[in-house]
Amino acid sequence: MTLRHANGTVALDRVSLELGEGSICAIMGASGSGKSSLLAAIGGRAMACQGRILLGGTLLLPQTLPGLRPMIGQVYQDHRLVRQSSVLANVLAGAAATLPLWRVLTDRYPTDLVERAGYLLDLLGLDESFLSRRLDSLSGGQAQRVGIARALIGGPRLILADEPVASLDPPTALRALRAISSVARETGATVVCALHQPDLAASFAQRIIHLQKGRIVSADGSVGRDAA
């Protein structure tokens, strides 16, 4: 797979990668190495100019993306949360595609989904009192964990996490990765996670992919799973 930016810069250069269902893979590399571009391509936010992407046997194309999108949970570097809304509304936005429109518009969510949101926040070290708080009252690290909960709430088959613990101290970062691993194990989801910290990657992932200038330069398997 090759991906070019609009200005012609090659972001990914003939990348070939196969991930088994339920596997956990960490993507590492310096800034600008292509980590975010790889996650964007896998999640359908950027379309490769050469090659193809198969998700669960379905070819990723503009016309197939709407059907695939509910299967994908994404954690973004910039969080992409609504600062004026409650934490609960932000978390449940991750399940909006599975809900009737009237529930989303009126904030009348099923009880089991609200309970699930509280459970995920607890896994991430935020108690249920956070559900009613406005997002703009949270710290950067707390908001980052809300973004993780949003990615997990819909029970996705594929979890794409772009630097999901960049704003967290080491113990909280480890807890967050354990939460992602736990939910992935519970649902059988595949995880692809861009990280900067080699120690966290080694404890979290079954496989570590190293990118450099848009190319895979090494791929280590069976590296450990202490975070699970």
Protein backbone atom coordinates (compact mmCIF):
# COMPACT_ATOMS: atom_id res chain seq x y z
CA MET A 1 0.00 0.00 0.00
CA THR A 2 1.24 3.46 -0.91
CA LEU A 3 -0.27 6.70 0.38
CA ARG A 4 0.55 10.21 -0.78
CA HIS A 5 -0.51 13.49 0.78
CA ALA A 6 -2.23 16.12 -1.36
CA ASN A 7 1.10 17.93 -1.82
CA GLY A 8 2.65 14.78 -3.30
CA THR A 9 4.66 13.74 -0.24
CA VAL A 10 4.80 9.98 0.16
CA ALA A 11 3.42 9.14 3.62
CA LEU A 12 3.45 5.35 3.22
CA ASP A 13 5.73 3.59 0.77
CA ARG A 14 4.72 0.06 -0.27
CA VAL A 15 3.64 -0.98 3.21
CA SER A 16 2.43 -4.57 3.48
CA LEU A 17 0.91 -5.73 6.76
CA GLU A 18 -1.37 -8.58 7.83
CA LEU A 19 -2.92 -8.71 11.30
CA GLY A 20 -4.80 -11.65 12.71
CA GLU A 21 -8.21 -11.26 14.29
CA GLY A 22 -7.89 -10.44 17.99
CA SER A 23 -4.22 -9.50 17.76
CA ILE A 24 -2.63 -6.43 19.35
CA CYS A 25 -0.04 -4.55 17.34
CA ALA A 26 2.00 -1.50 18.33
CA ILE A 27 3.29 0.88 15.65
CA MET A 28 6.47 2.74 16.52
CA GLY A 29 8.67 5.29 14.81
CA ALA A 30 9.83 8.88 14.99
CA SER A 31 7.47 11.77 14.31
CA GLY A 32 6.77 11.87 10.59
CA SER A 33 7.55 8.18 10.10
CA GLY A 34 4.01 7.39 8.93
CA LYS A 35 2.31 6.05 12.09
CA SER A 36 -0.70 8.37 11.91
CA SER A 37 -0.94 7.92 8.15
CA LEU A 38 -1.05 4.15 8.54
CA LEU A 39 -3.86 4.36 11.09
CA ALA A 40 -5.73 6.85 8.89
CA ALA A 41 -5.47 4.51 5.91
CA ILE A 42 -6.63 1.46 7.86
CA GLY A 43 -9.56 3.44 9.28
CA GLY A 44 -10.63 4.85 5.94
CA ARG A 45 -9.80 8.48 6.74
CA ALA A 46 -7.19 8.47 3.97
CA MET A 47 -7.40 6.39 0.82
CA ALA A 48 -4.29 4.66 -0.52
CA CYS A 49 -3.29 5.63 -4.04
CA GLN A 50 -1.88 2.14 -4.64
CA GLY A 51 -2.68 -1.22 -3.08
CA ARG A 52 -5.71 -2.30 -1.10
CA ILE A 53 -6.93 -2.75 2.47
CA LEU A 54 -9.13 -5.66 3.56
CA LEU A 55 -11.04 -5.45 6.82
CA GLY A 56 -12.54 -8.78 7.82
CA GLY A 57 -12.58 -9.83 4.19
CA THR A 58 -14.25 -6.62 2.97
CA LEU A 59 -12.32 -4.37 0.62
CA LEU A 60 -12.05 -0.85 2.05
CA LEU A 61 -13.47 1.54 -0.53
CA PRO A 62 -15.44 4.81 -0.31
CA GLN A 63 -18.63 2.88 -1.03
CA THR A 64 -17.97 0.17 1.59
CA LEU A 65 -16.71 2.54 4.31
CA PRO A 66 -20.18 3.46 5.69
CA GLY A 67 -20.87 -0.20 6.42
CA LEU A 68 -17.43 -0.74 7.94
CA ARG A 69 -17.33 2.43 10.06
CA PRO A 70 -19.45 1.04 12.96
CA MET A 71 -16.91 -1.80 13.28
CA ILE A 72 -14.01 0.61 13.84
CA GLY A 73 -13.23 2.44 17.08
CA GLN A 74 -10.70 5.25 16.76
CA VAL A 75 -8.66 7.20 19.33
CA TYR A 76 -7.29 10.43 17.88
CA GLN A 77 -4.23 12.43 18.91
CA ASP A 78 -6.32 15.62 19.11
CA HIS A 79 -9.16 13.78 20.93
CA ARG A 80 -11.91 15.19 18.60
CA LEU A 81 -14.32 15.59 21.48
CA VAL A 82 -17.10 18.18 21.92
CA ARG A 83 -15.90 20.47 24.69
CA GLN A 84 -19.34 21.94 25.41
CA SER A 85 -20.99 18.53 25.86
CA SER A 86 -20.99 16.18 28.83
CA VAL A 87 -18.53 13.35 29.23
CA LEU A 88 -21.42 10.90 28.82
CA ALA A 89 -22.50 12.44 25.51
CA ASN A 90 -18.91 12.34 24.25
CA VAL A 91 -18.42 8.68 25.23
CA LEU A 92 -21.76 7.59 23.75
CA ALA A 93 -20.95 9.37 20.49
CA GLY A 94 -18.87 6.28 19.83
CA ALA A 95 -22.05 4.20 19.71
CA ALA A 96 -24.19 6.75 17.82
CA ALA A 97 -24.14 4.69 14.63
CA THR A 98 -25.91 1.84 16.44
CA LEU A 99 -28.67 4.01 17.97
CA PRO A 100 -31.89 5.51 16.57
CA LEU A 101 -31.40 9.16 15.66
CA TRP A 102 -34.03 10.32 18.16
CA ARG A 103 -32.02 8.92 21.06
CA VAL A 104 -28.92 10.80 19.94
CA LEU A 105 -30.79 14.06 19.44
CA THR A 106 -32.59 13.89 22.79
CA ASP A 107 -29.74 12.39 24.86
CA ARG A 108 -32.07 9.56 25.92
CA TYR A 109 -29.66 6.66 25.89
CA PRO A 110 -30.40 3.03 26.83
CA THR A 111 -29.61 2.28 30.49
CA ASP A 112 -27.26 -0.56 29.63
CA LEU A 113 -25.21 1.74 27.39
CA VAL A 114 -24.94 4.38 30.11
CA GLU A 115 -23.81 1.68 32.54
CA ARG A 116 -21.27 0.51 29.98
CA ALA A 117 -19.91 4.06 29.72
CA GLY A 118 -19.48 4.18 33.50
CA TYR A 119 -17.74 0.80 33.46
CA LEU A 120 -15.28 1.92 30.79
CA LEU A 121 -14.47 5.16 32.61
CA ASP A 122 -13.84 3.16 35.78
CA LEU A 123 -11.43 0.88 33.89
CA LEU A 124 -9.61 4.02 32.81
CA GLY A 125 -9.41 5.46 36.31
CA LEU A 126 -12.31 7.95 36.11
CA ASP A 127 -15.26 7.34 38.43
CA GLU A 128 -18.90 7.60 37.37
CA SER A 129 -19.20 11.18 38.65
CA PHE A 130 -17.34 12.21 35.50
CA LEU A 131 -20.30 11.20 33.31
CA SER A 132 -22.22 14.39 34.11
CA ARG A 133 -19.25 16.75 33.89
CA ARG A 134 -18.68 18.97 30.88
CA LEU A 135 -15.69 18.00 28.86
CA ASP A 136 -14.17 21.48 29.08
CA SER A 137 -13.82 21.04 32.86
CA LEU A 138 -11.39 18.15 32.41
CA SER A 139 -7.62 18.08 32.18
CA GLY A 140 -5.91 16.97 28.98
CA GLY A 141 -5.16 13.52 30.40
CA GLN A 142 -8.75 13.05 31.56
CA ALA A 143 -10.07 14.10 28.15
CA GLN A 144 -7.72 11.63 26.50
CA ARG A 145 -9.25 8.83 28.54
CA VAL A 146 -12.74 9.96 27.56
CA GLY A 147 -11.59 9.60 23.95
CA ILE A 148 -10.46 6.05 24.65
CA ALA A 149 -13.82 5.20 26.25
CA ARG A 150 -15.60 6.62 23.21
CA ALA A 151 -13.58 4.36 20.91
CA LEU A 152 -14.45 1.28 23.00
CA ILE A 153 -18.13 1.90 23.79
CA GLY A 154 -19.53 0.48 20.55
CA GLY A 155 -17.77 -2.88 20.86
CA PRO A 156 -15.70 -2.38 17.68
CA ARG A 157 -14.03 -5.24 15.87
CA LEU A 158 -11.03 -3.01 15.09
CA ILE A 159 -9.52 -0.47 17.51
CA LEU A 160 -7.17 2.13 16.04
CA ALA A 161 -5.40 4.24 18.66
CA ASP A 162 -3.10 7.10 17.67
CA GLU A 163 -0.86 7.96 20.64
CA PRO A 164 -3.66 7.17 23.13
CA VAL A 165 -1.52 7.72 26.24
CA ALA A 166 0.59 10.71 25.19
CA SER A 167 -0.93 12.97 27.87
CA LEU A 168 -0.79 10.42 30.68
CA ASP A 169 1.78 9.73 33.40
CA PRO A 170 3.35 6.24 33.25
CA PRO A 171 1.06 4.48 35.79
CA THR A 172 -2.08 5.95 34.21
CA ALA A 173 -0.79 5.15 30.74
CA LEU A 174 -0.28 1.53 31.72
CA ARG A 175 -3.78 1.41 33.19
CA ALA A 176 -5.25 2.84 29.97
CA LEU A 177 -3.44 0.29 27.81
CA ARG A 178 -4.63 -2.48 30.12
CA ALA A 179 -8.19 -1.21 29.66
CA ILE A 180 -7.85 -1.30 25.87
CA SER A 181 -6.34 -4.78 26.06
CA SER A 182 -9.08 -6.00 28.42
CA VAL A 183 -11.92 -4.77 26.23
CA ALA A 184 -10.24 -6.12 23.09
CA ARG A 185 -9.88 -9.52 24.74
CA GLU A 186 -13.52 -9.40 25.85
CA THR A 187 -14.83 -8.59 22.35
CA GLY A 188 -12.19 -10.31 20.21
CA ALA A 189 -11.18 -6.99 18.64
CA THR A 190 -7.96 -6.37 16.75
CA VAL A 191 -5.90 -3.44 18.07
CA VAL A 192 -3.45 -1.25 16.16
CA CYS A 193 -1.86 1.35 18.42
CA ALA A 194 0.75 4.02 17.64
CA LEU A 195 3.08 4.53 20.60
CA HIS A 196 6.31 6.38 21.37
CA GLN A 197 7.25 4.48 24.54
CA PRO A 198 9.16 1.23 23.82
CA ASP A 199 8.57 -0.16 27.33
CA LEU A 200 4.79 0.29 27.08
CA ALA A 201 4.75 -1.17 23.57
CA ALA A 202 6.69 -4.23 24.72
CA SER A 203 4.33 -4.88 27.64
CA PHE A 204 1.16 -4.21 25.65
CA ALA A 205 1.54 -5.69 22.18
CA GLN A 206 2.00 -9.12 20.68
CA ARG A 207 3.74 -7.52 17.73
CA ILE A 208 5.70 -4.31 17.23
CA ILE A 209 6.04 -2.69 13.81
CA HIS A 210 8.74 -0.05 13.32
CA LEU A 211 8.20 2.58 10.62
CA GLN A 212 10.80 4.86 9.10
CA LYS A 213 10.05 7.34 6.31
CA GLY A 214 6.82 5.54 5.49
CA ARG A 215 8.34 2.06 5.29
CA ILE A 216 8.29 -0.90 7.65
CA VAL A 217 11.89 -1.44 8.74
CA SER A 218 11.26 -4.19 11.30
CA ALA A 219 8.44 -6.28 12.69
CA ASP A 220 8.88 -8.05 16.01
CA GLY A 221 6.39 -10.71 17.10
CA SER A 222 5.46 -12.26 20.44
CA VAL A 223 7.15 -9.49 22.41
CA GLY A 224 5.10 -9.69 25.57
CA ARG A 225 1.74 -8.87 27.13
CA ASP A 226 2.26 -7.66 30.70
CA ALA A 227 -0.33 -4.94 30.14
CA ALA A 228 -3.00 -7.56 29.48
